[in-house]
């Protein structure tokens, strides 16, 4: 902040900093899905300093982990490009800028109480609790358990069918 009666007498009177930290549980969520072999990318409309700062806090510091200053069109192109090479794309978002890419992704997750209606409509899943990634950690944990149970059930069914012949 600057004070003074005119442009020539301005002096610094203070400094204001704003921090938008990663949501609770995000680092844990990223580590969980990475341990399952999932590649995590951060695609954000934020600029270099903000994107890099958040990315480092989330362990996303390798080349190509962060795409910054991304417009809605960029986000959509990234989703399509990953799908074109055979990747299954899950995406989280909370704003109008995320809606089109959320809709196109294989799994779209709208986050947060303040998430826009268009974003919620575009997503496959909506997590209302304040962008709290720890809820996703719990959901993914349950999904792994359910997937394992389904896989085991499928194997049992195959064994049963083979046993009939």
C-alpha atoms as a PDB file:
ATOM      1  CA  UNK A   1       0.000   0.000   0.000  1.00  0.00           C
ATOM      2  CA  UNK A   2       1.196   3.492  -0.742  1.00  0.00           C
ATOM      3  CA  UNK A   3       0.347   6.828   0.819  1.00  0.00           C
ATOM      4  CA  UNK A   4       1.029  10.404  -0.127  1.00  0.00           C
ATOM      5  CA  UNK A   5      -0.698  13.577  -1.214  1.00  0.00           C
ATOM      6  CA  UNK A   6       0.446  13.293  -4.837  1.00  0.00           C
ATOM      7  CA  UNK A   7       2.471  10.979  -7.092  1.00  0.00           C
ATOM      8  CA  UNK A   8       5.794  12.552  -6.061  1.00  0.00           C
ATOM      9  CA  UNK A   9       5.285  12.145  -2.343  1.00  0.00           C
ATOM     10  CA  UNK A  10       4.146   8.512  -2.351  1.00  0.00           C
ATOM     11  CA  UNK A  11       5.770   6.177   0.143  1.00  0.00           C
ATOM     12  CA  UNK A  12       5.173   2.527   1.057  1.00  0.00           C
ATOM     13  CA  UNK A  13       3.043   2.198   4.143  1.00  0.00           C
ATOM     14  CA  UNK A  14       2.594  -1.563   4.197  1.00  0.00           C
ATOM     15  CA  UNK A  15       2.423  -4.772   2.276  1.00  0.00           C
ATOM     16  CA  UNK A  16      -0.562  -7.042   1.850  1.00  0.00           C
ATOM     17  CA  UNK A  17      -0.160 -10.692   0.969  1.00  0.00           C
ATOM     18  CA  UNK A  18      -2.929 -13.088   0.001  1.00  0.00           C
ATOM     19  CA  UNK A  19      -2.593 -16.845   0.189  1.00  0.00           C
ATOM     20  CA  UNK A  20      -5.032 -19.401  -1.172  1.00  0.00           C
ATOM     21  CA  UNK A  21      -3.580 -22.629   0.223  1.00  0.00           C
ATOM     22  CA  UNK A  22      -4.395 -26.073  -1.155  1.00  0.00           C
ATOM     23  CA  UNK A  23      -7.550 -27.589   0.280  1.00  0.00           C
ATOM     24  CA  UNK A  24      -7.284 -29.909   3.279  1.00  0.00           C
ATOM     25  CA  UNK A  25      -6.372 -33.440   2.288  1.00  0.00           C
ATOM     26  CA  UNK A  26      -5.131 -32.575  -1.224  1.00  0.00           C
ATOM     27  CA  UNK A  27      -1.551 -33.701  -0.640  1.00  0.00           C
ATOM     28  CA  UNK A  28      -2.832 -36.958   0.891  1.00  0.00           C
ATOM     29  CA  UNK A  29      -5.225 -37.455  -2.038  1.00  0.00           C
ATOM     30  CA  UNK A  30      -2.485 -36.893  -4.618  1.00  0.00           C
ATOM     31  CA  UNK A  31      -0.129 -39.285  -2.831  1.00  0.00           C
ATOM     32  CA  UNK A  32      -2.901 -41.908  -2.619  1.00  0.00           C
ATOM     33  CA  UNK A  33      -3.784 -41.848  -6.301  1.00  0.00           C
ATOM     34  CA  UNK A  34      -0.121 -41.678  -7.347  1.00  0.00           C
ATOM     35  CA  UNK A  35       0.587 -44.776  -5.245  1.00  0.00           C
ATOM     36  CA  UNK A  36      -2.134 -46.501  -7.289  1.00  0.00           C
ATOM     37  CA  UNK A  37      -0.299 -45.594 -10.508  1.00  0.00           C
ATOM     38  CA  UNK A  38      -2.370 -42.553 -11.448  1.00  0.00           C
ATOM     39  CA  UNK A  39      -0.565 -39.635 -13.089  1.00  0.00           C
ATOM     40  CA  UNK A  40      -1.604 -36.315 -11.525  1.00  0.00           C
ATOM     41  CA  UNK A  41      -1.486 -33.011 -13.394  1.00  0.00           C
ATOM     42  CA  UNK A  42      -2.486 -29.562 -12.185  1.00  0.00           C
ATOM     43  CA  UNK A  43      -4.184 -27.524 -14.916  1.00  0.00           C
ATOM     44  CA  UNK A  44      -4.946 -24.054 -13.604  1.00  0.00           C
ATOM     45  CA  UNK A  45      -5.826 -20.581 -14.738  1.00  0.00           C
ATOM     46  CA  UNK A  46      -3.364 -19.228 -12.169  1.00  0.00           C
ATOM     47  CA  UNK A  47      -0.131 -17.574 -13.247  1.00  0.00           C
ATOM     48  CA  UNK A  48       3.439 -18.797 -12.795  1.00  0.00           C
ATOM     49  CA  UNK A  49       4.098 -17.781  -9.188  1.00  0.00           C
ATOM     50  CA  UNK A  50       0.795 -19.009  -7.756  1.00  0.00           C
ATOM     51  CA  UNK A  51       0.715 -22.244  -9.763  1.00  0.00           C
ATOM     52  CA  UNK A  52       4.325 -23.082  -8.905  1.00  0.00           C
ATOM     53  CA  UNK A  53       3.846 -22.323  -5.210  1.00  0.00           C
ATOM     54  CA  UNK A  54       0.765 -24.532  -4.936  1.00  0.00           C
ATOM     55  CA  UNK A  55       2.284 -27.240  -7.135  1.00  0.00           C
ATOM     56  CA  UNK A  56       5.380 -27.503  -4.958  1.00  0.00           C
ATOM     57  CA  UNK A  57       3.241 -27.785  -1.815  1.00  0.00           C
ATOM     58  CA  UNK A  58       1.354 -30.632  -3.480  1.00  0.00           C
ATOM     59  CA  UNK A  59       4.465 -32.481  -4.640  1.00  0.00           C
ATOM     60  CA  UNK A  60       3.864 -31.603  -8.299  1.00  0.00           C
ATOM     61  CA  UNK A  61       7.268 -30.348  -9.312  1.00  0.00           C
ATOM     62  CA  UNK A  62       8.321 -32.537 -12.224  1.00  0.00           C
ATOM     63  CA  UNK A  63       8.302 -31.211 -15.762  1.00  0.00           C
ATOM     64  CA  UNK A  64       4.792 -31.302 -17.259  1.00  0.00           C
ATOM     65  CA  UNK A  65       3.070 -31.736 -13.857  1.00  0.00           C
ATOM     66  CA  UNK A  66       1.674 -28.186 -13.986  1.00  0.00           C
ATOM     67  CA  UNK A  67      -0.090 -26.384 -16.819  1.00  0.00           C
ATOM     68  CA  UNK A  68      -0.598 -22.748 -15.859  1.00  0.00           C
ATOM     69  CA  UNK A  69      -2.575 -19.813 -17.248  1.00  0.00           C
ATOM     70  CA  UNK A  70      -4.979 -22.329 -18.802  1.00  0.00           C
ATOM     71  CA  UNK A  71      -8.175 -21.017 -20.351  1.00  0.00           C
ATOM     72  CA  UNK A  72     -11.345 -23.142 -20.546  1.00  0.00           C
ATOM     73  CA  UNK A  73     -10.351 -24.004 -24.125  1.00  0.00           C
ATOM     74  CA  UNK A  74      -6.883 -25.140 -22.974  1.00  0.00           C
ATOM     75  CA  UNK A  75      -8.415 -27.317 -20.267  1.00  0.00           C
ATOM     76  CA  UNK A  76     -10.725 -28.968 -22.793  1.00  0.00           C
ATOM     77  CA  UNK A  77      -7.865 -29.549 -25.254  1.00  0.00           C
ATOM     78  CA  UNK A  78      -5.760 -31.163 -22.518  1.00  0.00           C
ATOM     79  CA  UNK A  79      -8.611 -33.522 -21.554  1.00  0.00           C
ATOM     80  CA  UNK A  80      -9.156 -34.483 -25.211  1.00  0.00           C
ATOM     81  CA  UNK A  81      -5.424 -34.954 -25.860  1.00  0.00           C
ATOM     82  CA  UNK A  82      -5.070 -37.315 -22.899  1.00  0.00           C
ATOM     83  CA  UNK A  83      -8.154 -39.264 -23.978  1.00  0.00           C
ATOM     84  CA  UNK A  84      -6.819 -39.499 -27.540  1.00  0.00           C
ATOM     85  CA  UNK A  85      -3.739 -41.351 -26.272  1.00  0.00           C
ATOM     86  CA  UNK A  86      -5.899 -43.773 -24.314  1.00  0.00           C
ATOM     87  CA  UNK A  87      -5.829 -42.167 -20.881  1.00  0.00           C
ATOM     88  CA  UNK A  88      -8.856 -42.194 -18.594  1.00  0.00           C
ATOM     89  CA  UNK A  89      -9.218 -38.608 -17.396  1.00  0.00           C
ATOM     90  CA  UNK A  90     -10.637 -37.569 -14.037  1.00  0.00           C
ATOM     91  CA  UNK A  91     -10.884 -33.853 -13.367  1.00  0.00           C
ATOM     92  CA  UNK A  92     -11.869 -31.678 -10.433  1.00  0.00           C
ATOM     93  CA  UNK A  93     -13.138 -28.128 -10.699  1.00  0.00           C
ATOM     94  CA  UNK A  94     -15.311 -25.510  -9.057  1.00  0.00           C
ATOM     95  CA  UNK A  95     -15.895 -22.749 -11.570  1.00  0.00           C
ATOM     96  CA  UNK A  96     -17.432 -21.842 -14.890  1.00  0.00           C
ATOM     97  CA  UNK A  97     -13.953 -22.106 -16.435  1.00  0.00           C
ATOM     98  CA  UNK A  98     -13.884 -25.821 -15.567  1.00  0.00           C
ATOM     99  CA  UNK A  99     -17.369 -26.833 -16.747  1.00  0.00           C
ATOM    100  CA  UNK A 100     -16.666 -27.833 -20.358  1.00  0.00           C
ATOM    101  CA  UNK A 101     -13.587 -29.888 -19.464  1.00  0.00           C
ATOM    102  CA  UNK A 102     -15.445 -31.494 -16.538  1.00  0.00           C
ATOM    103  CA  UNK A 103     -18.227 -32.545 -18.907  1.00  0.00           C
ATOM    104  CA  UNK A 104     -15.758 -34.007 -21.432  1.00  0.00           C
ATOM    105  CA  UNK A 105     -13.627 -35.834 -18.859  1.00  0.00           C
ATOM    106  CA  UNK A 106     -14.342 -39.469 -18.077  1.00  0.00           C
ATOM    107  CA  UNK A 107     -14.897 -38.633 -14.413  1.00  0.00           C
ATOM    108  CA  UNK A 108     -15.814 -35.038 -13.558  1.00  0.00           C
ATOM    109  CA  UNK A 109     -15.818 -33.981  -9.910  1.00  0.00           C
ATOM    110  CA  UNK A 110     -17.259 -30.599  -8.905  1.00  0.00           C
ATOM    111  CA  UNK A 111     -15.842 -29.355  -5.623  1.00  0.00           C
ATOM    112  CA  UNK A 112     -16.979 -27.003  -2.898  1.00  0.00           C
ATOM    113  CA  UNK A 113     -20.017 -25.257  -1.538  1.00  0.00           C
ATOM    114  CA  UNK A 114     -19.152 -22.227  -3.633  1.00  0.00           C
ATOM    115  CA  UNK A 115     -18.920 -24.261  -6.838  1.00  0.00           C
ATOM    116  CA  UNK A 116     -20.977 -22.829  -9.667  1.00  0.00           C
ATOM    117  CA  UNK A 117     -24.233 -24.465 -10.736  1.00  0.00           C
ATOM    118  CA  UNK A 118     -22.957 -24.975 -14.288  1.00  0.00           C
ATOM    119  CA  UNK A 119     -19.917 -26.780 -12.882  1.00  0.00           C
ATOM    120  CA  UNK A 120     -22.086 -28.992 -10.671  1.00  0.00           C
ATOM    121  CA  UNK A 121     -24.331 -29.855 -13.624  1.00  0.00           C
ATOM    122  CA  UNK A 122     -21.360 -30.719 -15.846  1.00  0.00           C
ATOM    123  CA  UNK A 123     -19.762 -33.049 -13.297  1.00  0.00           C
ATOM    124  CA  UNK A 124     -20.436 -36.720 -12.660  1.00  0.00           C
ATOM    125  CA  UNK A 125     -19.938 -36.278  -8.931  1.00  0.00           C
ATOM    126  CA  UNK A 126     -20.297 -33.307  -6.587  1.00  0.00           C
ATOM    127  CA  UNK A 127     -18.486 -32.974  -3.259  1.00  0.00           C
ATOM    128  CA  UNK A 128     -20.180 -30.156  -1.363  1.00  0.00           C
ATOM    129  CA  UNK A 129     -17.956 -29.913   1.689  1.00  0.00           C
ATOM    130  CA  UNK A 130     -15.749 -26.877   1.207  1.00  0.00           C
ATOM    131  CA  UNK A 131     -13.341 -28.337  -1.332  1.00  0.00           C
ATOM    132  CA  UNK A 132     -12.165 -30.787   1.336  1.00  0.00           C
ATOM    133  CA  UNK A 133     -10.068 -33.361  -0.500  1.00  0.00           C
ATOM    134  CA  UNK A 134     -10.016 -35.662   2.526  1.00  0.00           C
ATOM    135  CA  UNK A 135     -13.587 -36.644   1.573  1.00  0.00           C
ATOM    136  CA  UNK A 136     -12.270 -37.809  -1.797  1.00  0.00           C
ATOM    137  CA  UNK A 137      -9.549 -39.819  -0.043  1.00  0.00           C
ATOM    138  CA  UNK A 138     -12.255 -41.678   1.884  1.00  0.00           C
ATOM    139  CA  UNK A 139     -14.353 -42.190  -1.269  1.00  0.00           C
ATOM    140  CA  UNK A 140     -11.389 -43.493  -3.240  1.00  0.00           C
ATOM    141  CA  UNK A 141     -10.512 -45.846  -0.392  1.00  0.00           C
ATOM    142  CA  UNK A 142     -14.053 -47.242  -0.502  1.00  0.00           C
ATOM    143  CA  UNK A 143     -13.846 -47.491  -4.292  1.00  0.00           C
ATOM    144  CA  UNK A 144     -10.653 -49.553  -4.054  1.00  0.00           C
ATOM    145  CA  UNK A 145     -12.376 -51.901  -1.600  1.00  0.00           C
ATOM    146  CA  UNK A 146     -15.465 -52.177  -3.820  1.00  0.00           C
ATOM    147  CA  UNK A 147     -13.357 -52.694  -6.960  1.00  0.00           C
ATOM    148  CA  UNK A 148     -11.415 -55.448  -5.250  1.00  0.00           C
ATOM    149  CA  UNK A 149     -14.650 -57.093  -4.118  1.00  0.00           C
ATOM    150  CA  UNK A 150     -16.101 -56.839  -7.628  1.00  0.00           C
ATOM    151  CA  UNK A 151     -12.926 -58.241  -9.120  1.00  0.00           C
ATOM    152  CA  UNK A 152     -12.944 -61.133  -6.661  1.00  0.00           C
ATOM    153  CA  UNK A 153     -16.640 -61.752  -7.331  1.00  0.00           C
ATOM    154  CA  UNK A 154     -15.923 -61.778 -11.053  1.00  0.00           C
ATOM    155  CA  UNK A 155     -13.129 -64.294 -10.584  1.00  0.00           C
ATOM    156  CA  UNK A 156     -15.350 -66.499  -8.453  1.00  0.00           C
ATOM    157  CA  UNK A 157     -18.035 -66.375 -11.146  1.00  0.00           C
ATOM    158  CA  UNK A 158     -15.505 -67.348 -13.816  1.00  0.00           C
ATOM    159  CA  UNK A 159     -14.258 -70.227 -11.716  1.00  0.00           C
ATOM    160  CA  UNK A 160     -17.817 -71.375 -11.124  1.00  0.00           C
ATOM    161  CA  UNK A 161     -18.642 -71.251 -14.831  1.00  0.00           C
ATOM    162  CA  UNK A 162     -15.483 -73.129 -15.762  1.00  0.00           C
ATOM    163  CA  UNK A 163     -16.265 -75.732 -13.100  1.00  0.00           C
ATOM    164  CA  UNK A 164     -19.610 -76.500 -14.738  1.00  0.00           C
ATOM    165  CA  UNK A 165     -18.049 -77.619 -18.019  1.00  0.00           C
END
